[in-house]
Amino acid sequence: MKLSLKTENILERIDSKTKLGDLRKIAKEIRKDHELATELWSTGRFLPRQLAILIMDSKRLSQDSINQLDRDMQTHSSNERNQLMDWLMANQLLKDKKTIALVESWENSPSALQRRVFWYYQARLRWMGQTPPPNTAELLAKIETNIAKEEPEVQWAMNFTAGWIGVFEKRYRDRCIAVGQNTGLYKGEMVSKGCTPDYLPEFIAIESNKRNL
């Protein structure tokens, strides 16, 4: 794709020292510009793609267009892939009822990134402090059955969901702790100061104590 002068000018403002806060400032100046977002995305570069996500028009996102974004993300490292998809979820997919409905349909998607979003969304419904949805028993049964055989990026999101279920819904707490004990996922993993470990027995204990739950 031949880039417009507008896109070229924006790209000159982005380099390896650019932070997420800088991208948000640029996005605030631009507001919504789906055509510019498309050009920035076409560069294949991580930071321009993050900016592109911020200025997309969520109403123009369909399952087909999201599938294409998903395929494009496969050119990135696993860490960048996850960041891009999580960024897309937070800044676009959860902003419109139509795309939220898509997210809710992705539990069995052939795309690992889309399954990750499904589970991350389920976790988010809980840690945002809302009344837990009525599907907890069903979700937890699926986590217990499937988490060990899922892709790493999906495992993390399923584990995250189990963590918040264990924090906010005491009747399921022992089962959620057992998921961590049985799988051993993230046990002994080092985390930065102030961060909560992902290992479920530790995660649930720490986050529950913070909230006196």
Protein backbone atom coordinates (compact mmCIF):
# COMPACT_ATOMS: atom_id res chain seq x y z
CA MET A 1 0.00 0.00 0.00
CA LYS A 2 1.31 3.44 -0.96
CA LEU A 3 1.17 5.56 2.17
CA SER A 4 -0.37 9.00 2.27
CA LEU A 5 1.57 12.05 3.40
CA LYS A 6 -0.58 12.13 6.52
CA THR A 7 0.49 8.60 7.42
CA GLU A 8 4.14 9.33 6.66
CA ASN A 9 4.03 12.33 8.99
CA ILE A 10 2.56 10.24 11.79
CA LEU A 11 5.17 7.52 11.30
CA GLU A 12 7.94 10.11 11.71
CA ARG A 13 6.68 10.66 15.25
CA ILE A 14 7.01 6.99 16.22
CA ASP A 15 10.31 5.30 17.04
CA SER A 16 11.72 2.72 19.45
CA LYS A 17 11.50 5.19 22.34
CA THR A 18 7.79 5.85 21.85
CA LYS A 19 5.68 4.77 24.83
CA LEU A 20 2.01 3.80 25.05
CA GLY A 21 1.25 7.16 26.62
CA ASP A 22 2.78 8.87 23.58
CA LEU A 23 0.61 6.79 21.26
CA ARG A 24 -2.48 7.75 23.24
CA LYS A 25 -1.59 11.44 22.90
CA ILE A 26 -1.19 11.07 19.13
CA ALA A 27 -4.48 9.15 18.95
CA LYS A 28 -6.23 11.90 20.90
CA GLU A 29 -5.07 14.41 18.31
CA ILE A 30 -6.23 12.24 15.41
CA ARG A 31 -9.49 11.03 17.01
CA LYS A 32 -11.20 8.40 14.83
CA ASP A 33 -9.75 7.80 11.35
CA HIS A 34 -10.29 4.30 9.99
CA GLU A 35 -8.50 4.97 6.69
CA LEU A 36 -5.41 6.24 8.50
CA ALA A 37 -5.62 3.23 10.82
CA THR A 38 -5.64 0.92 7.80
CA GLU A 39 -2.50 2.55 6.40
CA LEU A 40 -0.70 2.41 9.75
CA TRP A 41 -1.66 -1.24 10.12
CA SER A 42 -0.31 -2.00 6.65
CA THR A 43 3.23 -1.11 7.77
CA GLY A 44 3.41 -4.37 9.70
CA ARG A 45 5.19 -2.60 12.55
CA PHE A 46 4.19 -3.12 16.17
CA LEU A 47 3.90 0.47 17.44
CA PRO A 48 2.11 1.84 14.36
CA ARG A 49 -0.29 -1.09 14.67
CA GLN A 50 -0.96 -0.22 18.30
CA LEU A 51 -1.74 3.34 17.23
CA ALA A 52 -3.93 2.01 14.42
CA ILE A 53 -6.02 0.10 16.94
CA LEU A 54 -6.64 3.28 18.94
CA ILE A 55 -8.06 5.20 15.98
CA MET A 56 -10.08 2.45 14.29
CA ASP A 57 -13.84 2.75 13.98
CA SER A 58 -15.33 -0.14 15.97
CA LYS A 59 -18.51 0.04 13.90
CA ARG A 60 -16.49 -1.01 10.84
CA LEU A 61 -15.12 -4.13 12.49
CA SER A 62 -16.76 -7.37 11.37
CA GLN A 63 -15.84 -11.00 11.99
CA ASP A 64 -14.11 -11.07 8.60
CA SER A 65 -12.07 -7.93 9.24
CA ILE A 66 -11.11 -9.15 12.73
CA ASN A 67 -10.02 -12.47 11.22
CA GLN A 68 -7.73 -10.53 8.87
CA LEU A 69 -6.28 -8.53 11.76
CA ASP A 70 -5.77 -11.82 13.58
CA ARG A 71 -3.89 -13.31 10.61
CA ASP A 72 -1.74 -10.19 10.37
CA MET A 73 -0.86 -10.47 14.06
CA GLN A 74 0.67 -13.90 13.40
CA THR A 75 3.71 -12.13 11.88
CA HIS A 76 4.61 -10.82 15.35
CA SER A 77 6.27 -12.55 18.29
CA SER A 78 3.91 -14.27 20.74
CA ASN A 79 4.27 -11.43 23.24
CA GLU A 80 3.46 -8.77 20.62
CA ARG A 81 0.57 -10.85 19.26
CA ASN A 82 -1.01 -11.08 22.68
CA GLN A 83 -0.48 -7.38 23.33
CA LEU A 84 -2.07 -6.41 20.02
CA MET A 85 -5.11 -8.61 20.55
CA ASP A 86 -5.56 -7.52 24.17
CA TRP A 87 -5.21 -3.88 23.03
CA LEU A 88 -7.82 -4.48 20.32
CA MET A 89 -10.16 -5.98 22.89
CA ALA A 90 -9.80 -3.16 25.40
CA ASN A 91 -9.89 -0.26 22.95
CA GLN A 92 -12.31 -1.49 20.27
CA LEU A 93 -14.05 -4.82 20.76
CA LEU A 94 -15.65 -3.93 24.08
CA LYS A 95 -16.84 -0.52 22.89
CA ASP A 96 -19.71 -1.71 20.73
CA LYS A 97 -22.55 -4.18 21.39
CA LYS A 98 -22.01 -5.80 18.00
CA THR A 99 -18.35 -6.63 18.66
CA ILE A 100 -19.07 -7.69 22.26
CA ALA A 101 -21.49 -10.22 20.79
CA LEU A 102 -18.66 -11.49 18.57
CA VAL A 103 -16.35 -11.82 21.59
CA GLU A 104 -19.00 -13.85 23.41
CA SER A 105 -19.13 -16.26 20.45
CA TRP A 106 -15.40 -17.06 20.41
CA GLU A 107 -15.19 -19.78 23.05
CA ASN A 108 -14.60 -22.44 20.38
CA SER A 109 -13.05 -20.24 17.71
CA PRO A 110 -10.34 -21.89 15.58
CA SER A 111 -8.20 -18.85 16.46
CA ALA A 112 -6.25 -19.12 19.72
CA LEU A 113 -6.14 -15.33 19.96
CA GLN A 114 -9.91 -15.10 19.71
CA ARG A 115 -10.37 -17.84 22.32
CA ARG A 116 -7.99 -15.85 24.53
CA VAL A 117 -10.22 -12.80 24.15
CA PHE A 118 -13.31 -14.83 25.07
CA TRP A 119 -11.71 -15.95 28.34
CA TYR A 120 -10.08 -12.61 29.08
CA TYR A 121 -13.51 -10.99 28.68
CA GLN A 122 -15.04 -13.48 31.11
CA ALA A 123 -12.33 -12.61 33.63
CA ARG A 124 -12.88 -8.90 33.05
CA LEU A 125 -16.60 -9.20 33.78
CA ARG A 126 -15.56 -10.37 37.24
CA TRP A 127 -12.56 -8.22 38.17
CA MET A 128 -14.33 -5.04 37.11
CA GLY A 129 -16.35 -5.57 40.29
CA GLN A 130 -19.68 -6.36 38.70
CA THR A 131 -22.00 -9.09 39.93
CA PRO A 132 -20.55 -12.29 38.42
CA PRO A 133 -22.49 -13.53 35.38
CA PRO A 134 -24.56 -16.71 35.91
CA ASN A 135 -22.27 -18.88 33.76
CA THR A 136 -19.57 -19.52 36.38
CA ALA A 137 -20.28 -23.22 36.97
CA GLU A 138 -20.19 -23.92 33.24
CA LEU A 139 -16.97 -21.92 32.71
CA LEU A 140 -15.18 -23.52 35.63
CA ALA A 141 -16.05 -27.03 34.43
CA LYS A 142 -14.59 -26.19 31.03
CA ILE A 143 -11.46 -24.72 32.60
CA GLU A 144 -10.95 -27.87 34.67
CA THR A 145 -11.37 -30.07 31.60
CA ASN A 146 -9.54 -28.08 28.94
CA ILE A 147 -6.93 -25.72 30.40
CA ALA A 148 -4.09 -28.25 30.40
CA LYS A 149 -4.42 -28.88 26.65
CA GLU A 150 -4.98 -25.31 25.49
CA GLU A 151 -2.49 -23.03 23.73
CA PRO A 152 -0.31 -21.00 26.15
CA GLU A 153 -1.99 -17.68 25.32
CA VAL A 154 -5.42 -19.20 25.98
CA GLN A 155 -4.22 -21.00 29.11
CA TRP A 156 -3.22 -17.68 30.63
CA ALA A 157 -6.67 -16.16 30.05
CA MET A 158 -8.47 -19.27 31.37
CA ASN A 159 -6.23 -19.21 34.42
CA PHE A 160 -6.98 -15.50 34.88
CA THR A 161 -10.70 -16.24 34.76
CA ALA A 162 -10.35 -19.02 37.33
CA GLY A 163 -8.40 -16.62 39.52
CA TRP A 164 -11.16 -14.03 39.62
CA ILE A 165 -13.84 -16.67 40.08
CA GLY A 166 -11.89 -17.89 43.09
CA VAL A 167 -11.61 -14.37 44.48
CA PHE A 168 -15.22 -13.26 44.12
CA GLU A 169 -17.18 -16.52 44.39
CA LYS A 170 -16.21 -18.33 47.57
CA ARG A 171 -18.22 -21.44 46.84
CA TYR A 172 -15.89 -22.14 43.88
CA ARG A 173 -12.66 -21.05 45.58
CA ASP A 174 -11.34 -24.51 46.48
CA ARG A 175 -11.95 -25.78 42.95
CA CYS A 176 -10.12 -22.80 41.47
CA ILE A 177 -7.18 -23.32 43.80
CA ALA A 178 -7.17 -27.00 42.81
CA VAL A 179 -6.88 -26.04 39.14
CA GLY A 180 -3.60 -24.33 39.92
CA GLN A 181 -2.36 -27.16 42.10
CA ASN A 182 -3.27 -29.84 39.57
CA THR A 183 -1.83 -28.09 36.51
CA GLY A 184 1.13 -26.40 38.21
CA LEU A 185 0.71 -23.51 35.80
CA TYR A 186 2.90 -20.52 36.73
CA LYS A 187 4.07 -22.12 39.99
CA GLY A 188 7.35 -20.54 41.07
CA GLU A 189 7.17 -17.91 38.33
CA MET A 190 8.94 -14.68 39.30
CA VAL A 191 6.91 -11.47 39.04
CA SER A 192 7.81 -7.80 39.31
CA LYS A 193 7.48 -6.06 42.66
CA GLY A 194 3.85 -5.14 43.32
CA CYS A 195 2.49 -7.65 40.80
CA THR A 196 0.36 -10.64 41.77
CA PRO A 197 1.66 -14.10 40.79
CA ASP A 198 -0.46 -15.99 38.25
CA TYR A 199 -0.20 -19.27 40.21
CA LEU A 200 -3.80 -19.70 41.33
CA PRO A 201 -3.32 -20.57 45.03
CA GLU A 202 -1.17 -17.44 45.46
CA PHE A 203 -3.25 -15.23 43.18
CA ILE A 204 -6.51 -16.05 44.94
CA ALA A 205 -5.03 -15.66 48.42
CA ILE A 206 -3.45 -12.29 47.66
CA GLU A 207 -6.38 -10.76 45.77
CA SER A 208 -8.94 -12.08 48.26
CA ASN A 209 -7.01 -10.63 51.19
CA LYS A 210 -6.78 -7.24 49.44
CA ARG A 211 -10.57 -7.14 49.31
CA ASN A 212 -11.25 -8.84 52.66
CA LEU A 213 -13.19 -11.54 50.81
